[in-house]
């Protein structure tokens, strides 16, 4: 059953395209560096929020927006992020349905 399910998901066109884009992105140092920069700014944003550093928070928010836009301007990145979101939602929906069906069988 696991292999059938895995094969099913691996053959969904969106998953195939997501894998293609992931390979492209992971082989592109410029893109990897942009993702790393964004992760670092996100960490700084969280810390600024946690310690109520309002001035720093604004600086980090602006930096995050700028870096995010630079990332989205790189070919295929926006498509990759949209597909990641779509596939994630699809998997979450599937998991919820499985949980519902199991609960229904157990609790009648």
PDB file of N, CA and C in Angstrom:
ATOM      1  N   UNK A   1       0.825  -1.201   0.000  1.00  0.00           N
ATOM      2  CA  UNK A   1       0.000   0.000   0.000  1.00  0.00           C
ATOM      3  C   UNK A   1       0.863   1.256   0.000  1.00  0.00           C
ATOM      4  N   UNK A   2       1.918   1.289   0.838  1.00  0.00           N
ATOM      5  CA  UNK A   2       2.774   2.470   0.899  1.00  0.00           C
ATOM      6  C   UNK A   2       3.393   2.799  -0.446  1.00  0.00           C
ATOM      7  N   UNK A   3       3.888   1.778  -1.143  1.00  0.00           N
ATOM      8  CA  UNK A   3       4.513   2.017  -2.441  1.00  0.00           C
ATOM      9  C   UNK A   3       3.502   2.542  -3.459  1.00  0.00           C
ATOM     10  N   UNK A   4       2.287   2.022  -3.421  1.00  0.00           N
ATOM     11  CA  UNK A   4       1.252   2.500  -4.346  1.00  0.00           C
ATOM     12  C   UNK A   4       0.946   3.969  -4.081  1.00  0.00           C
ATOM     13  N   UNK A   5       0.835   4.316  -2.822  1.00  0.00           N
ATOM     14  CA  UNK A   5       0.542   5.698  -2.455  1.00  0.00           C
ATOM     15  C   UNK A   5       1.698   6.616  -2.845  1.00  0.00           C
ATOM     16  N   UNK A   6       2.894   6.183  -2.580  1.00  0.00           N
ATOM     17  CA  UNK A   6       4.077   6.959  -2.940  1.00  0.00           C
ATOM     18  C   UNK A   6       4.174   7.121  -4.455  1.00  0.00           C
ATOM     19  N   UNK A   7       3.928   6.046  -5.185  1.00  0.00           N
ATOM     20  CA  UNK A   7       3.931   6.112  -6.649  1.00  0.00           C
ATOM     21  C   UNK A   7       2.862   7.083  -7.150  1.00  0.00           C
ATOM     22  N   UNK A   8       1.699   7.025  -6.527  1.00  0.00           N
ATOM     23  CA  UNK A   8       0.615   7.935  -6.921  1.00  0.00           C
ATOM     24  C   UNK A   8       1.069   9.389  -6.774  1.00  0.00           C
ATOM     25  N   UNK A   9       1.595   9.733  -5.601  1.00  0.00           N
ATOM     26  CA  UNK A   9       2.009  11.116  -5.368  1.00  0.00           C
ATOM     27  C   UNK A   9       3.188  11.516  -6.258  1.00  0.00           C
ATOM     28  N   UNK A  10       4.100  10.621  -6.461  1.00  0.00           N
ATOM     29  CA  UNK A  10       5.264  10.938  -7.289  1.00  0.00           C
ATOM     30  C   UNK A  10       4.911  11.142  -8.765  1.00  0.00           C
ATOM     31  N   UNK A  11       3.754  10.667  -9.181  1.00  0.00           N
ATOM     32  CA  UNK A  11       3.353  10.805 -10.583  1.00  0.00           C
ATOM     33  C   UNK A  11       2.331  11.909 -10.823  1.00  0.00           C
ATOM     34  N   UNK A  12       2.016  12.672  -9.803  1.00  0.00           N
ATOM     35  CA  UNK A  12       1.139  13.830  -9.978  1.00  0.00           C
ATOM     36  C   UNK A  12       1.960  14.899 -10.708  1.00  0.00           C
ATOM     37  N   UNK A  13       1.414  15.478 -11.773  1.00  0.00           N
ATOM     38  CA  UNK A  13       2.181  16.454 -12.571  1.00  0.00           C
ATOM     39  C   UNK A  13       2.794  17.588 -11.743  1.00  0.00           C
ATOM     40  N   UNK A  14       2.070  18.082 -10.760  1.00  0.00           N
ATOM     41  CA  UNK A  14       2.594  19.163  -9.929  1.00  0.00           C
ATOM     42  C   UNK A  14       3.795  18.717  -9.105  1.00  0.00           C
ATOM     43  N   UNK A  15       3.769  17.479  -8.650  1.00  0.00           N
ATOM     44  CA  UNK A  15       4.895  16.947  -7.873  1.00  0.00           C
ATOM     45  C   UNK A  15       6.101  16.744  -8.785  1.00  0.00           C
ATOM     46  N   UNK A  16       5.865  16.257  -9.970  1.00  0.00           N
ATOM     47  CA  UNK A  16       6.956  16.077 -10.943  1.00  0.00           C
ATOM     48  C   UNK A  16       7.608  17.421 -11.244  1.00  0.00           C
ATOM     49  N   UNK A  17       6.786  18.423 -11.510  1.00  0.00           N
ATOM     50  CA  UNK A  17       7.324  19.757 -11.809  1.00  0.00           C
ATOM     51  C   UNK A  17       8.047  20.343 -10.590  1.00  0.00           C
ATOM     52  N   UNK A  18       7.506  20.137  -9.418  1.00  0.00           N
ATOM     53  CA  UNK A  18       8.139  20.625  -8.196  1.00  0.00           C
ATOM     54  C   UNK A  18       9.534  20.026  -8.034  1.00  0.00           C
ATOM     55  N   UNK A  19       9.661  18.747  -8.307  1.00  0.00           N
ATOM     56  CA  UNK A  19      10.976  18.089  -8.220  1.00  0.00           C
ATOM     57  C   UNK A  19      11.954  18.661  -9.244  1.00  0.00           C
ATOM     58  N   UNK A  20      11.461  18.919 -10.447  1.00  0.00           N
ATOM     59  CA  UNK A  20      12.322  19.517 -11.481  1.00  0.00           C
ATOM     60  C   UNK A  20      12.836  20.881 -11.032  1.00  0.00           C
ATOM     61  N   UNK A  21      11.926  21.691 -10.519  1.00  0.00           N
ATOM     62  CA  UNK A  21      12.306  23.025 -10.063  1.00  0.00           C
ATOM     63  C   UNK A  21      13.231  22.961  -8.861  1.00  0.00           C
ATOM     64  N   UNK A  22      12.977  22.022  -7.975  1.00  0.00           N
ATOM     65  CA  UNK A  22      13.837  21.867  -6.795  1.00  0.00           C
ATOM     66  C   UNK A  22      15.265  21.540  -7.226  1.00  0.00           C
ATOM     67  N   UNK A  23      15.418  20.659  -8.184  1.00  0.00           N
ATOM     68  CA  UNK A  23      16.753  20.317  -8.684  1.00  0.00           C
ATOM     69  C   UNK A  23      17.450  21.536  -9.275  1.00  0.00           C
ATOM     70  N   UNK A  24      16.693  22.334 -10.032  1.00  0.00           N
ATOM     71  CA  UNK A  24      17.250  23.555 -10.620  1.00  0.00           C
ATOM     72  C   UNK A  24      17.685  24.521  -9.522  1.00  0.00           C
ATOM     73  N   UNK A  25      16.810  24.734  -8.561  1.00  0.00           N
ATOM     74  CA  UNK A  25      17.091  25.684  -7.490  1.00  0.00           C
ATOM     75  C   UNK A  25      18.270  25.221  -6.636  1.00  0.00           C
ATOM     76  N   UNK A  26      18.293  23.941  -6.292  1.00  0.00           N
ATOM     77  CA  UNK A  26      19.376  23.426  -5.455  1.00  0.00           C
ATOM     78  C   UNK A  26      20.733  23.431  -6.154  1.00  0.00           C
ATOM     79  N   UNK A  27      20.728  23.545  -7.457  1.00  0.00           N
ATOM     80  CA  UNK A  27      21.992  23.596  -8.185  1.00  0.00           C
ATOM     81  C   UNK A  27      22.413  25.033  -8.502  1.00  0.00           C
ATOM     82  N   UNK A  28      21.622  26.009  -8.038  1.00  0.00           N
ATOM     83  CA  UNK A  28      21.901  27.405  -8.324  1.00  0.00           C
ATOM     84  C   UNK A  28      22.328  28.118  -7.038  1.00  0.00           C
ATOM     85  N   UNK A  29      23.588  28.445  -6.944  1.00  0.00           N
ATOM     86  CA  UNK A  29      24.137  29.039  -5.727  1.00  0.00           C
ATOM     87  C   UNK A  29      23.505  30.394  -5.405  1.00  0.00           C
ATOM     88  N   UNK A  30      23.200  31.169  -6.421  1.00  0.00           N
ATOM     89  CA  UNK A  30      22.570  32.479  -6.218  1.00  0.00           C
ATOM     90  C   UNK A  30      21.228  32.329  -5.491  1.00  0.00           C
ATOM     91  N   UNK A  31      20.445  31.358  -5.923  1.00  0.00           N
ATOM     92  CA  UNK A  31      19.137  31.138  -5.314  1.00  0.00           C
ATOM     93  C   UNK A  31      19.289  30.608  -3.888  1.00  0.00           C
ATOM     94  N   UNK A  32      20.190  29.676  -3.713  1.00  0.00           N
ATOM     95  CA  UNK A  32      20.429  29.117  -2.376  1.00  0.00           C
ATOM     96  C   UNK A  32      20.830  30.225  -1.410  1.00  0.00           C
ATOM     97  N   UNK A  33      21.718  31.112  -1.857  1.00  0.00           N
ATOM     98  CA  UNK A  33      22.157  32.216  -1.002  1.00  0.00           C
ATOM     99  C   UNK A  33      20.998  33.145  -0.641  1.00  0.00           C
ATOM    100  N   UNK A  34      20.107  33.407  -1.594  1.00  0.00           N
ATOM    101  CA  UNK A  34      18.943  34.259  -1.317  1.00  0.00           C
ATOM    102  C   UNK A  34      18.035  33.615  -0.271  1.00  0.00           C
ATOM    103  N   UNK A  35      17.785  32.314  -0.410  1.00  0.00           N
ATOM    104  CA  UNK A  35      16.971  31.614   0.583  1.00  0.00           C
ATOM    105  C   UNK A  35      17.636  31.694   1.959  1.00  0.00           C
ATOM    106  N   UNK A  36      18.950  31.520   2.004  1.00  0.00           N
ATOM    107  CA  UNK A  36      19.675  31.609   3.277  1.00  0.00           C
ATOM    108  C   UNK A  36      19.583  33.006   3.879  1.00  0.00           C
ATOM    109  N   UNK A  37      19.706  34.020   3.046  1.00  0.00           N
ATOM    110  CA  UNK A  37      19.584  35.398   3.530  1.00  0.00           C
ATOM    111  C   UNK A  37      18.199  35.639   4.136  1.00  0.00           C
ATOM    112  N   UNK A  38      17.189  35.160   3.454  1.00  0.00           N
ATOM    113  CA  UNK A  38      15.819  35.333   3.950  1.00  0.00           C
ATOM    114  C   UNK A  38      15.636  34.605   5.276  1.00  0.00           C
ATOM    115  N   UNK A  39      16.167  33.395   5.390  1.00  0.00           N
ATOM    116  CA  UNK A  39      16.054  32.649   6.658  1.00  0.00           C
ATOM    117  C   UNK A  39      16.711  33.424   7.794  1.00  0.00           C
ATOM    118  N   UNK A  40      17.864  34.010   7.532  1.00  0.00           N
ATOM    119  CA  UNK A  40      18.556  34.776   8.568  1.00  0.00           C
ATOM    120  C   UNK A  40      17.746  36.002   8.991  1.00  0.00           C
ATOM    121  N   UNK A  41      17.177  36.699   8.028  1.00  0.00           N
ATOM    122  CA  UNK A  41      16.365  37.871   8.354  1.00  0.00           C
ATOM    123  C   UNK A  41      15.113  37.443   9.118  1.00  0.00           C
ATOM    124  N   UNK A  42      14.529  36.302   8.748  1.00  0.00           N
ATOM    125  CA  UNK A  42      13.350  35.806   9.472  1.00  0.00           C
ATOM    126  C   UNK A  42      13.697  35.539  10.934  1.00  0.00           C
ATOM    127  N   UNK A  43      14.858  34.966  11.188  1.00  0.00           N
ATOM    128  CA  UNK A  43      15.289  34.718  12.570  1.00  0.00           C
ATOM    129  C   UNK A  43      15.432  36.035  13.323  1.00  0.00           C
ATOM    130  N   UNK A  44      16.007  37.033  12.659  1.00  0.00           N
ATOM    131  CA  UNK A  44      16.166  38.338  13.291  1.00  0.00           C
ATOM    132  C   UNK A  44      14.813  38.989  13.552  1.00  0.00           C
ATOM    133  N   UNK A  45      13.871  38.803  12.630  1.00  0.00           N
ATOM    134  CA  UNK A  45      12.512  39.316  12.819  1.00  0.00           C
ATOM    135  C   UNK A  45      11.861  38.702  14.059  1.00  0.00           C
ATOM    136  N   UNK A  46      11.988  37.407  14.186  1.00  0.00           N
ATOM    137  CA  UNK A  46      11.399  36.707  15.333  1.00  0.00           C
ATOM    138  C   UNK A  46      12.014  37.233  16.626  1.00  0.00           C
ATOM    139  N   UNK A  47      13.322  37.377  16.647  1.00  0.00           N
ATOM    140  CA  UNK A  47      13.976  37.887  17.854  1.00  0.00           C
ATOM    141  C   UNK A  47      13.547  39.310  18.167  1.00  0.00           C
ATOM    142  N   UNK A  48      13.459  40.159  17.149  1.00  0.00           N
ATOM    143  CA  UNK A  48      13.044  41.549  17.365  1.00  0.00           C
ATOM    144  C   UNK A  48      11.618  41.602  17.913  1.00  0.00           C
ATOM    145  N   UNK A  49      10.740  40.739  17.400  1.00  0.00           N
ATOM    146  CA  UNK A  49       9.370  40.686  17.914  1.00  0.00           C
ATOM    147  C   UNK A  49       9.361  40.211  19.365  1.00  0.00           C
ATOM    148  N   UNK A  50      10.112  39.147  19.617  1.00  0.00           N
ATOM    149  CA  UNK A  50      10.125  38.553  20.951  1.00  0.00           C
ATOM    150  C   UNK A  50      10.636  39.536  21.997  1.00  0.00           C
ATOM    151  N   UNK A  51      11.631  40.326  21.630  1.00  0.00           N
ATOM    152  CA  UNK A  51      12.218  41.263  22.589  1.00  0.00           C
ATOM    153  C   UNK A  51      11.665  42.681  22.430  1.00  0.00           C
ATOM    154  N   UNK A  52      10.564  42.787  21.649  1.00  0.00           N
ATOM    155  CA  UNK A  52       9.848  44.045  21.479  1.00  0.00           C
ATOM    156  C   UNK A  52      10.760  45.196  21.026  1.00  0.00           C
ATOM    157  N   UNK A  53      11.616  44.899  20.076  1.00  0.00           N
ATOM    158  CA  UNK A  53      12.527  45.902  19.510  1.00  0.00           C
ATOM    159  C   UNK A  53      11.861  46.499  18.268  1.00  0.00           C
ATOM    160  N   UNK A  54      11.036  47.491  18.477  1.00  0.00           N
ATOM    161  CA  UNK A  54      10.174  48.018  17.425  1.00  0.00           C
ATOM    162  C   UNK A  54      10.964  48.625  16.273  1.00  0.00           C
ATOM    163  N   UNK A  55      12.004  49.395  16.562  1.00  0.00           N
ATOM    164  CA  UNK A  55      12.802  50.003  15.490  1.00  0.00           C
ATOM    165  C   UNK A  55      13.486  48.932  14.641  1.00  0.00           C
ATOM    166  N   UNK A  56      14.083  47.955  15.296  1.00  0.00           N
ATOM    167  CA  UNK A  56      14.752  46.868  14.584  1.00  0.00           C
ATOM    168  C   UNK A  56      13.756  46.039  13.793  1.00  0.00           C
ATOM    169  N   UNK A  57      12.585  45.852  14.349  1.00  0.00           N
ATOM    170  CA  UNK A  57      11.544  45.074  13.677  1.00  0.00           C
ATOM    171  C   UNK A  57      11.218  45.688  12.322  1.00  0.00           C
ATOM    172  N   UNK A  58      11.054  46.981  12.265  1.00  0.00           N
ATOM    173  CA  UNK A  58      10.750  47.667  11.005  1.00  0.00           C
ATOM    174  C   UNK A  58      11.881  47.480   9.997  1.00  0.00           C
ATOM    175  N   UNK A  59      13.124  47.595  10.461  1.00  0.00           N
ATOM    176  CA  UNK A  59      14.287  47.407   9.585  1.00  0.00           C
ATOM    177  C   UNK A  59      14.285  45.996   9.012  1.00  0.00           C
ATOM    178  N   UNK A  60      14.046  44.991   9.861  1.00  0.00           N
ATOM    179  CA  UNK A  60      14.057  43.601   9.404  1.00  0.00           C
ATOM    180  C   UNK A  60      12.868  43.295   8.496  1.00  0.00           C
ATOM    181  N   UNK A  61      11.722  43.897   8.765  1.00  0.00           N
ATOM    182  CA  UNK A  61      10.560  43.700   7.889  1.00  0.00           C
ATOM    183  C   UNK A  61      10.844  44.249   6.492  1.00  0.00           C
ATOM    184  N   UNK A  62      11.429  45.432   6.448  1.00  0.00           N
ATOM    185  CA  UNK A  62      11.773  46.032   5.146  1.00  0.00           C
ATOM    186  C   UNK A  62      12.804  45.184   4.406  1.00  0.00           C
ATOM    187  N   UNK A  63      13.798  44.698   5.144  1.00  0.00           N
ATOM    188  CA  UNK A  63      14.835  43.856   4.541  1.00  0.00           C
ATOM    189  C   UNK A  63      14.224  42.551   4.020  1.00  0.00           C
ATOM    190  N   UNK A  64      13.310  41.977   4.788  1.00  0.00           N
ATOM    191  CA  UNK A  64      12.643  40.743   4.370  1.00  0.00           C
ATOM    192  C   UNK A  64      11.864  40.968   3.077  1.00  0.00           C
ATOM    193  N   UNK A  65      11.117  42.058   3.013  1.00  0.00           N
ATOM    194  CA  UNK A  65      10.330  42.356   1.804  1.00  0.00           C
ATOM    195  C   UNK A  65      11.243  42.522   0.589  1.00  0.00           C
ATOM    196  N   UNK A  66      12.352  43.232   0.780  1.00  0.00           N
ATOM    197  CA  UNK A  66      13.289  43.459  -0.322  1.00  0.00           C
ATOM    198  C   UNK A  66      13.884  42.139  -0.810  1.00  0.00           C
ATOM    199  N   UNK A  67      14.367  41.316   0.126  1.00  0.00           N
ATOM    200  CA  UNK A  67      14.970  40.037  -0.248  1.00  0.00           C
ATOM    201  C   UNK A  67      13.946  39.099  -0.882  1.00  0.00           C
ATOM    202  N   UNK A  68      12.753  39.095  -0.342  1.00  0.00           N
ATOM    203  CA  UNK A  68      11.697  38.244  -0.897  1.00  0.00           C
ATOM    204  C   UNK A  68      11.387  38.633  -2.338  1.00  0.00           C
ATOM    205  N   UNK A  69      11.326  39.921  -2.602  1.00  0.00           N
ATOM    206  CA  UNK A  69      11.057  40.373  -3.965  1.00  0.00           C
ATOM    207  C   UNK A  69      12.205  39.994  -4.898  1.00  0.00           C
ATOM    208  N   UNK A  70      13.430  40.132  -4.418  1.00  0.00           N
ATOM    209  CA  UNK A  70      14.585  39.722  -5.230  1.00  0.00           C
ATOM    210  C   UNK A  70      14.503  38.235  -5.558  1.00  0.00           C
ATOM    211  N   UNK A  71      14.102  37.449  -4.585  1.00  0.00           N
ATOM    212  CA  UNK A  71      13.970  36.007  -4.789  1.00  0.00           C
ATOM    213  C   UNK A  71      12.878  35.704  -5.808  1.00  0.00           C
ATOM    214  N   UNK A  72      11.756  36.377  -5.687  1.00  0.00           N
ATOM    215  CA  UNK A  72      10.644  36.138  -6.606  1.00  0.00           C
ATOM    216  C   UNK A  72      10.955  36.605  -8.024  1.00  0.00           C
ATOM    217  N   UNK A  73      11.896  37.517  -8.166  1.00  0.00           N
ATOM    218  CA  UNK A  73      12.295  37.995  -9.489  1.00  0.00           C
ATOM    219  C   UNK A  73      13.183  36.994 -10.239  1.00  0.00           C
ATOM    220  N   UNK A  74      13.683  35.994  -9.529  1.00  0.00           N
ATOM    221  CA  UNK A  74      14.519  34.968 -10.163  1.00  0.00           C
ATOM    222  C   UNK A  74      13.593  33.982 -10.880  1.00  0.00           C
ATOM    223  N   UNK A  75      13.901  33.672 -12.148  1.00  0.00           N
ATOM    224  CA  UNK A  75      13.031  32.753 -12.898  1.00  0.00           C
ATOM    225  C   UNK A  75      12.786  31.433 -12.148  1.00  0.00           C
ATOM    226  N   UNK A  76      11.569  30.989 -12.184  1.00  0.00           N
ATOM    227  CA  UNK A  76      11.105  29.706 -11.652  1.00  0.00           C
ATOM    228  C   UNK A  76      10.899  29.675 -10.143  1.00  0.00           C
ATOM    229  N   UNK A  77      11.420  30.648  -9.403  1.00  0.00           N
ATOM    230  CA  UNK A  77      11.292  30.598  -7.947  1.00  0.00           C
ATOM    231  C   UNK A  77       9.840  30.774  -7.513  1.00  0.00           C
ATOM    232  N   UNK A  78       9.147  31.722  -8.119  1.00  0.00           N
ATOM    233  CA  UNK A  78       7.746  31.928  -7.749  1.00  0.00           C
ATOM    234  C   UNK A  78       6.920  30.678  -8.055  1.00  0.00           C
ATOM    235  N   UNK A  79       7.152  30.086  -9.206  1.00  0.00           N
ATOM    236  CA  UNK A  79       6.444  28.843  -9.555  1.00  0.00           C
ATOM    237  C   UNK A  79       6.752  27.750  -8.542  1.00  0.00           C
ATOM    238  N   UNK A  80       8.013  27.636  -8.155  1.00  0.00           N
ATOM    239  CA  UNK A  80       8.437  26.637  -7.177  1.00  0.00           C
ATOM    240  C   UNK A  80       7.706  26.844  -5.849  1.00  0.00           C
ATOM    241  N   UNK A  81       7.672  28.073  -5.354  1.00  0.00           N
ATOM    242  CA  UNK A  81       7.027  28.354  -4.073  1.00  0.00           C
ATOM    243  C   UNK A  81       5.524  28.108  -4.141  1.00  0.00           C
ATOM    244  N   UNK A  82       4.902  28.466  -5.261  1.00  0.00           N
ATOM    245  CA  UNK A  82       3.466  28.211  -5.426  1.00  0.00           C
ATOM    246  C   UNK A  82       3.180  26.712  -5.465  1.00  0.00           C
ATOM    247  N   UNK A  83       4.015  25.968  -6.166  1.00  0.00           N
ATOM    248  CA  UNK A  83       3.833  24.513  -6.234  1.00  0.00           C
ATOM    249  C   UNK A  83       4.061  23.862  -4.872  1.00  0.00           C
ATOM    250  N   UNK A  84       5.044  24.356  -4.141  1.00  0.00           N
ATOM    251  CA  UNK A  84       5.273  23.819  -2.790  1.00  0.00           C
ATOM    252  C   UNK A  84       4.020  23.997  -1.941  1.00  0.00           C
ATOM    253  N   UNK A  85       3.444  25.173  -2.008  1.00  0.00           N
ATOM    254  CA  UNK A  85       2.235  25.458  -1.244  1.00  0.00           C
ATOM    255  C   UNK A  85       1.086  24.558  -1.700  1.00  0.00           C
ATOM    256  N   UNK A  86       0.913  24.415  -3.001  1.00  0.00           N
ATOM    257  CA  UNK A  86      -0.160  23.587  -3.549  1.00  0.00           C
ATOM    258  C   UNK A  86      -0.007  22.117  -3.112  1.00  0.00           C
ATOM    259  N   UNK A  87       1.189  21.585  -3.257  1.00  0.00           N
ATOM    260  CA  UNK A  87       1.435  20.184  -2.897  1.00  0.00           C
ATOM    261  C   UNK A  87       1.261  19.988  -1.393  1.00  0.00           C
ATOM    262  N   UNK A  88       1.719  20.945  -0.602  1.00  0.00           N
ATOM    263  CA  UNK A  88       1.542  20.868   0.844  1.00  0.00           C
ATOM    264  C   UNK A  88       0.066  20.832   1.205  1.00  0.00           C
ATOM    265  N   UNK A  89      -0.731  21.684   0.583  1.00  0.00           N
ATOM    266  CA  UNK A  89      -2.178  21.684   0.833  1.00  0.00           C
ATOM    267  C   UNK A  89      -2.816  20.367   0.405  1.00  0.00           C
ATOM    268  N   UNK A  90      -2.366  19.834  -0.714  1.00  0.00           N
ATOM    269  CA  UNK A  90      -2.894  18.573  -1.210  1.00  0.00           C
ATOM    270  C   UNK A  90      -2.595  17.441  -0.209  1.00  0.00           C
ATOM    271  N   UNK A  91      -1.389  17.400   0.291  1.00  0.00           N
ATOM    272  CA  UNK A  91      -1.003  16.362   1.256  1.00  0.00           C
ATOM    273  C   UNK A  91      -1.785  16.537   2.552  1.00  0.00           C
ATOM    274  N   UNK A  92      -1.929  17.774   3.016  1.00  0.00           N
ATOM    275  CA  UNK A  92      -2.701  18.019   4.240  1.00  0.00           C
ATOM    276  C   UNK A  92      -4.155  17.591   4.081  1.00  0.00           C
ATOM    277  N   UNK A  93      -4.730  17.847   2.931  1.00  0.00           N
ATOM    278  CA  UNK A  93      -6.111  17.421   2.669  1.00  0.00           C
ATOM    279  C   UNK A  93      -6.223  15.904   2.683  1.00  0.00           C
ATOM    280  N   UNK A  94      -5.244  15.262   2.084  1.00  0.00           N
ATOM    281  CA  UNK A  94      -5.236  13.800   2.063  1.00  0.00           C
ATOM    282  C   UNK A  94      -5.129  13.248   3.484  1.00  0.00           C
ATOM    283  N   UNK A  95      -4.232  13.799   4.282  1.00  0.00           N
ATOM    284  CA  UNK A  95      -4.053  13.343   5.665  1.00  0.00           C
ATOM    285  C   UNK A  95      -5.337  13.534   6.459  1.00  0.00           C
ATOM    286  N   UNK A  96      -5.985  14.675   6.296  1.00  0.00           N
ATOM    287  CA  UNK A  96      -7.247  14.923   7.010  1.00  0.00           C
ATOM    288  C   UNK A  96      -8.312  13.915   6.603  1.00  0.00           C
ATOM    289  N   UNK A  97      -8.368  13.590   5.329  1.00  0.00           N
ATOM    290  CA  UNK A  97      -9.351  12.610   4.860  1.00  0.00           C
ATOM    291  C   UNK A  97      -9.060  11.227   5.438  1.00  0.00           C
ATOM    292  N   UNK A  98      -7.803  10.848   5.473  1.00  0.00           N
ATOM    293  CA  UNK A  98      -7.425   9.551   6.064  1.00  0.00           C
ATOM    294  C   UNK A  98      -7.804   9.534   7.542  1.00  0.00           C
ATOM    295  N   UNK A  99      -7.482  10.600   8.257  1.00  0.00           N
ATOM    296  CA  UNK A  99      -7.829  10.680   9.674  1.00  0.00           C
ATOM    297  C   UNK A  99      -9.334  10.586   9.877  1.00  0.00           C
ATOM    298  N   UNK A 100     -10.089  11.266   9.028  1.00  0.00           N
ATOM    299  CA  UNK A 100     -11.548  11.235   9.116  1.00  0.00           C
ATOM    300  C   UNK A 100     -12.074   9.819   8.896  1.00  0.00           C
ATOM    301  N   UNK A 101     -11.565   9.147   7.859  1.00  0.00           N
ATOM    302  CA  UNK A 101     -12.026   7.795   7.560  1.00  0.00           C
ATOM    303  C   UNK A 101     -11.668   6.816   8.684  1.00  0.00           C
ATOM    304  N   UNK A 102     -10.489   6.969   9.252  1.00  0.00           N
ATOM    305  CA  UNK A 102     -10.084   6.103  10.366  1.00  0.00           C
ATOM    306  C   UNK A 102     -10.990   6.358  11.577  1.00  0.00           C
ATOM    307  N   UNK A 103     -11.193   7.621  11.896  1.00  0.00           N
ATOM    308  CA  UNK A 103     -12.075   7.980  13.023  1.00  0.00           C
ATOM    309  C   UNK A 103     -13.483   7.442  12.803  1.00  0.00           C
ATOM    310  N   UNK A 104     -13.953   7.543  11.561  1.00  0.00           N
ATOM    311  CA  UNK A 104     -15.296   7.062  11.234  1.00  0.00           C
ATOM    312  C   UNK A 104     -15.401   5.550  11.451  1.00  0.00           C
ATOM    313  N   UNK A 105     -14.358   4.795  11.067  1.00  0.00           N
ATOM    314  CA  UNK A 105     -14.386   3.342  11.259  1.00  0.00           C
ATOM    315  C   UNK A 105     -14.285   2.963  12.725  1.00  0.00           C
ATOM    316  N   UNK A 106     -13.471   3.704  13.466  1.00  0.00           N
ATOM    317  CA  UNK A 106     -13.281   3.388  14.880  1.00  0.00           C
ATOM    318  C   UNK A 106     -14.513   3.747  15.705  1.00  0.00           C
ATOM    319  N   UNK A 107     -15.044   4.926  15.441  1.00  0.00           N
ATOM    320  CA  UNK A 107     -16.156   5.435  16.271  1.00  0.00           C
ATOM    321  C   UNK A 107     -17.536   5.205  15.668  1.00  0.00           C
ATOM    322  N   UNK A 108     -17.536   4.591  14.509  1.00  0.00           N
ATOM    323  CA  UNK A 108     -18.820   4.245  13.889  1.00  0.00           C
ATOM    324  C   UNK A 108     -19.499   5.380  13.338  1.00  0.00           C
TER     325      UNK A 108
END
